N, C-alpha and C. Protein backbone atom coordinates (compact mmCIF):
# COMPACT_ATOMS: atom_id res chain seq x y z
N UNK A 1 -14.82 -32.21 44.10
CA UNK A 1 -15.82 -32.46 43.07
C UNK A 1 -15.16 -33.01 41.81
N UNK A 2 -15.87 -33.84 41.14
CA UNK A 2 -15.38 -34.41 39.89
C UNK A 2 -15.50 -33.35 38.78
N UNK A 3 -14.49 -33.26 37.93
CA UNK A 3 -14.50 -32.30 36.81
C UNK A 3 -14.81 -33.05 35.53
N UNK A 4 -15.86 -32.64 34.84
CA UNK A 4 -16.22 -33.21 33.54
C UNK A 4 -15.86 -32.19 32.46
N UNK A 5 -14.92 -32.55 31.62
CA UNK A 5 -14.47 -31.66 30.55
C UNK A 5 -15.29 -31.97 29.30
N UNK A 6 -16.11 -31.04 28.88
CA UNK A 6 -16.96 -31.22 27.71
C UNK A 6 -16.11 -31.22 26.42
N UNK A 7 -16.53 -31.95 25.39
CA UNK A 7 -15.81 -31.96 24.12
C UNK A 7 -15.62 -30.56 23.53
N UNK A 8 -16.64 -29.70 23.66
CA UNK A 8 -16.53 -28.32 23.16
C UNK A 8 -15.36 -27.61 23.83
N UNK A 9 -15.21 -27.81 25.13
CA UNK A 9 -14.11 -27.17 25.86
C UNK A 9 -12.77 -27.65 25.32
N UNK A 10 -12.63 -28.93 25.09
CA UNK A 10 -11.38 -29.46 24.57
C UNK A 10 -11.07 -28.93 23.17
N UNK A 11 -12.09 -28.80 22.34
CA UNK A 11 -11.88 -28.23 21.00
C UNK A 11 -11.39 -26.80 21.09
N UNK A 12 -12.04 -26.00 21.92
CA UNK A 12 -11.63 -24.60 22.08
C UNK A 12 -10.23 -24.52 22.68
N UNK A 13 -9.93 -25.39 23.65
CA UNK A 13 -8.62 -25.38 24.28
C UNK A 13 -7.52 -25.64 23.25
N UNK A 14 -7.75 -26.61 22.39
CA UNK A 14 -6.76 -26.94 21.36
C UNK A 14 -6.55 -25.75 20.42
N UNK A 15 -7.64 -25.12 19.99
CA UNK A 15 -7.55 -23.96 19.10
C UNK A 15 -6.84 -22.79 19.76
N UNK A 16 -7.07 -22.62 21.05
CA UNK A 16 -6.61 -21.42 21.76
C UNK A 16 -5.29 -21.60 22.50
N UNK A 17 -4.80 -22.84 22.58
CA UNK A 17 -3.48 -23.07 23.16
C UNK A 17 -3.45 -23.47 24.62
N UNK A 18 -4.49 -24.12 25.12
CA UNK A 18 -4.50 -24.62 26.50
C UNK A 18 -4.54 -26.14 26.50
N UNK A 19 -4.05 -26.73 27.56
CA UNK A 19 -4.05 -28.19 27.67
C UNK A 19 -5.11 -28.64 28.67
N UNK A 20 -5.40 -29.92 28.64
CA UNK A 20 -6.35 -30.51 29.57
C UNK A 20 -5.87 -30.30 31.01
N UNK A 21 -4.59 -30.52 31.25
CA UNK A 21 -4.06 -30.36 32.61
C UNK A 21 -4.16 -28.91 33.08
N UNK A 22 -3.98 -27.95 32.16
CA UNK A 22 -4.13 -26.54 32.54
C UNK A 22 -5.58 -26.22 32.91
N UNK A 23 -6.53 -26.76 32.17
CA UNK A 23 -7.95 -26.54 32.48
C UNK A 23 -8.26 -27.06 33.89
N UNK A 24 -7.82 -28.27 34.18
CA UNK A 24 -8.06 -28.84 35.50
C UNK A 24 -7.36 -28.03 36.59
N UNK A 25 -6.13 -27.60 36.33
CA UNK A 25 -5.38 -26.79 37.29
C UNK A 25 -6.08 -25.47 37.57
N UNK A 26 -6.57 -24.82 36.52
CA UNK A 26 -7.28 -23.54 36.69
C UNK A 26 -8.49 -23.72 37.59
N UNK A 27 -9.26 -24.77 37.35
CA UNK A 27 -10.46 -25.00 38.16
C UNK A 27 -10.10 -25.28 39.61
N UNK A 28 -9.04 -26.05 39.84
CA UNK A 28 -8.63 -26.38 41.20
C UNK A 28 -7.92 -25.22 41.91
N UNK A 29 -7.02 -24.54 41.22
CA UNK A 29 -6.12 -23.59 41.90
C UNK A 29 -6.18 -22.16 41.38
N UNK A 30 -7.02 -21.88 40.40
CA UNK A 30 -7.10 -20.54 39.85
C UNK A 30 -7.83 -19.57 40.77
N UNK A 31 -7.81 -18.30 40.38
CA UNK A 31 -8.54 -17.28 41.14
C UNK A 31 -9.88 -17.01 40.46
N UNK A 32 -10.89 -16.73 41.27
CA UNK A 32 -12.24 -16.50 40.75
C UNK A 32 -12.31 -15.21 39.96
N UNK A 33 -13.05 -15.26 38.86
CA UNK A 33 -13.32 -14.07 38.05
C UNK A 33 -14.83 -14.03 37.77
N UNK A 34 -15.36 -12.88 37.38
CA UNK A 34 -16.80 -12.79 37.12
C UNK A 34 -17.24 -13.66 35.94
N UNK A 35 -18.46 -14.18 36.06
CA UNK A 35 -19.06 -14.97 34.98
C UNK A 35 -20.54 -14.62 34.92
N UNK A 36 -21.15 -14.85 33.78
CA UNK A 36 -22.56 -14.52 33.58
C UNK A 36 -23.48 -15.64 34.06
N UNK A 37 -24.67 -15.25 34.47
CA UNK A 37 -25.72 -16.21 34.82
C UNK A 37 -25.32 -17.13 35.95
N UNK A 38 -25.65 -18.40 35.79
CA UNK A 38 -25.35 -19.39 36.83
C UNK A 38 -23.96 -20.02 36.66
N UNK A 39 -23.15 -19.42 35.84
CA UNK A 39 -21.81 -19.94 35.56
C UNK A 39 -20.80 -19.40 36.56
N UNK A 40 -19.73 -20.14 36.72
CA UNK A 40 -18.59 -19.72 37.52
C UNK A 40 -17.38 -19.67 36.60
N UNK A 41 -16.35 -18.96 37.02
CA UNK A 41 -15.15 -18.87 36.20
C UNK A 41 -13.93 -18.68 37.08
N UNK A 42 -12.83 -19.26 36.64
CA UNK A 42 -11.55 -19.07 37.30
C UNK A 42 -10.49 -18.83 36.24
N UNK A 43 -9.41 -18.20 36.66
CA UNK A 43 -8.30 -17.90 35.75
C UNK A 43 -6.98 -18.18 36.44
N UNK A 44 -5.96 -18.37 35.63
CA UNK A 44 -4.60 -18.53 36.15
C UNK A 44 -3.63 -18.11 35.06
N UNK A 45 -2.54 -17.48 35.47
CA UNK A 45 -1.51 -17.03 34.54
C UNK A 45 -0.34 -18.01 34.59
N UNK A 46 0.11 -18.40 33.41
CA UNK A 46 1.22 -19.34 33.27
C UNK A 46 2.36 -18.69 32.50
N UNK A 47 3.62 -19.06 32.81
CA UNK A 47 4.73 -18.61 31.97
C UNK A 47 4.55 -19.21 30.58
N UNK A 48 4.90 -18.46 29.56
CA UNK A 48 4.77 -18.96 28.19
C UNK A 48 6.11 -18.84 27.48
N UNK A 49 6.66 -17.64 27.42
CA UNK A 49 8.00 -17.36 26.88
C UNK A 49 8.28 -18.03 25.53
N UNK A 50 7.33 -17.84 24.61
CA UNK A 50 7.53 -18.34 23.26
C UNK A 50 6.62 -17.60 22.28
N UNK A 51 6.75 -17.96 21.03
CA UNK A 51 5.92 -17.32 20.01
C UNK A 51 4.61 -18.06 19.82
N UNK A 52 3.60 -17.30 19.50
CA UNK A 52 2.31 -17.84 19.08
C UNK A 52 1.83 -16.98 17.93
N UNK A 53 1.53 -17.60 16.82
CA UNK A 53 1.07 -16.90 15.62
C UNK A 53 2.00 -15.76 15.24
N UNK A 54 3.32 -16.02 15.34
CA UNK A 54 4.32 -15.07 14.89
C UNK A 54 4.66 -13.95 15.85
N UNK A 55 4.15 -13.99 17.08
CA UNK A 55 4.45 -12.94 18.06
C UNK A 55 4.88 -13.58 19.37
N UNK A 56 5.90 -12.99 20.03
CA UNK A 56 6.43 -13.52 21.27
C UNK A 56 5.59 -13.03 22.46
N UNK A 57 5.31 -13.94 23.39
CA UNK A 57 4.54 -13.61 24.60
C UNK A 57 5.24 -14.18 25.83
N UNK A 58 5.31 -13.40 26.88
CA UNK A 58 5.89 -13.82 28.15
C UNK A 58 4.99 -14.80 28.89
N UNK A 59 3.69 -14.54 28.86
CA UNK A 59 2.76 -15.33 29.66
C UNK A 59 1.48 -15.63 28.87
N UNK A 60 0.71 -16.57 29.41
CA UNK A 60 -0.64 -16.78 28.91
C UNK A 60 -1.57 -16.91 30.11
N UNK A 61 -2.78 -16.42 29.93
CA UNK A 61 -3.79 -16.48 30.98
C UNK A 61 -4.90 -17.42 30.49
N UNK A 62 -5.14 -18.47 31.25
CA UNK A 62 -6.17 -19.44 30.90
C UNK A 62 -7.37 -19.19 31.80
N UNK A 63 -8.55 -19.05 31.18
CA UNK A 63 -9.79 -18.84 31.92
C UNK A 63 -10.74 -19.99 31.61
N UNK A 64 -11.21 -20.66 32.65
CA UNK A 64 -12.15 -21.77 32.50
C UNK A 64 -13.53 -21.32 32.99
N UNK A 65 -14.53 -21.52 32.15
CA UNK A 65 -15.92 -21.20 32.49
C UNK A 65 -16.62 -22.54 32.74
N UNK A 66 -17.38 -22.61 33.83
CA UNK A 66 -18.00 -23.88 34.19
C UNK A 66 -19.27 -23.69 35.01
N UNK A 67 -20.03 -24.76 35.17
CA UNK A 67 -21.21 -24.78 36.03
C UNK A 67 -21.04 -25.93 37.01
N UNK A 68 -21.63 -25.76 38.18
CA UNK A 68 -21.62 -26.82 39.18
C UNK A 68 -22.97 -27.51 39.13
N UNK A 69 -22.95 -28.82 38.90
CA UNK A 69 -24.16 -29.63 38.82
C UNK A 69 -24.04 -30.78 39.79
N UNK A 70 -24.86 -30.77 40.82
CA UNK A 70 -24.86 -31.81 41.86
C UNK A 70 -23.46 -32.04 42.39
N UNK A 71 -22.86 -33.15 42.06
CA UNK A 71 -21.54 -33.52 42.59
C UNK A 71 -20.41 -33.26 41.59
N UNK A 72 -20.69 -32.53 40.51
CA UNK A 72 -19.69 -32.36 39.45
C UNK A 72 -19.54 -30.90 39.03
N UNK A 73 -18.37 -30.62 38.48
CA UNK A 73 -18.11 -29.37 37.80
C UNK A 73 -18.07 -29.71 36.31
N UNK A 74 -18.90 -29.03 35.52
CA UNK A 74 -18.98 -29.29 34.08
C UNK A 74 -18.47 -28.06 33.35
N UNK A 75 -17.44 -28.23 32.52
CA UNK A 75 -16.89 -27.09 31.80
C UNK A 75 -17.83 -26.63 30.70
N UNK A 76 -17.81 -25.33 30.44
CA UNK A 76 -18.59 -24.73 29.36
C UNK A 76 -17.65 -24.39 28.21
N UNK A 77 -16.57 -23.67 28.53
CA UNK A 77 -15.57 -23.31 27.53
C UNK A 77 -14.30 -22.86 28.23
N UNK A 78 -13.28 -22.59 27.45
CA UNK A 78 -12.02 -22.07 27.97
C UNK A 78 -11.54 -20.96 27.04
N UNK A 79 -10.98 -19.92 27.65
CA UNK A 79 -10.39 -18.81 26.89
C UNK A 79 -8.91 -18.74 27.24
N UNK A 80 -8.11 -18.34 26.28
CA UNK A 80 -6.68 -18.18 26.51
C UNK A 80 -6.28 -16.81 25.95
N UNK A 81 -5.58 -16.04 26.79
CA UNK A 81 -5.11 -14.72 26.40
C UNK A 81 -3.58 -14.71 26.54
N UNK A 82 -2.93 -14.03 25.64
CA UNK A 82 -1.47 -13.98 25.64
C UNK A 82 -1.02 -12.56 25.89
N UNK A 83 0.01 -12.42 26.73
CA UNK A 83 0.54 -11.09 27.05
C UNK A 83 1.44 -11.17 28.25
N UNK A 84 1.30 -10.16 29.14
CA UNK A 84 2.09 -10.13 30.37
C UNK A 84 1.23 -9.52 31.45
N UNK A 85 1.14 -10.20 32.58
CA UNK A 85 0.33 -9.73 33.70
C UNK A 85 1.22 -9.55 34.92
N UNK A 86 0.93 -8.52 35.67
CA UNK A 86 1.65 -8.23 36.91
C UNK A 86 0.84 -8.79 38.07
N UNK A 87 1.51 -9.10 39.18
CA UNK A 87 0.81 -9.60 40.37
C UNK A 87 -0.14 -8.57 40.93
């Protein structure tokens, strides 16, 4: 399916520390997580190993929220969490 990245998603991604390629990767290869209503969501954990806003984090978790419309996946928003996750 074709992925359509909405401008709102890109704005939130920039603010929260995710890239366009990470959003696409999460949708293609992430694991499913719960979402409200007719929305779907996937997440993926990436190595980070750097500081963000003055604090060091080992990893970041990118969550993409989206809807499926006909032949496309349309993003709603993206969330980014910093910390450390175990398998």
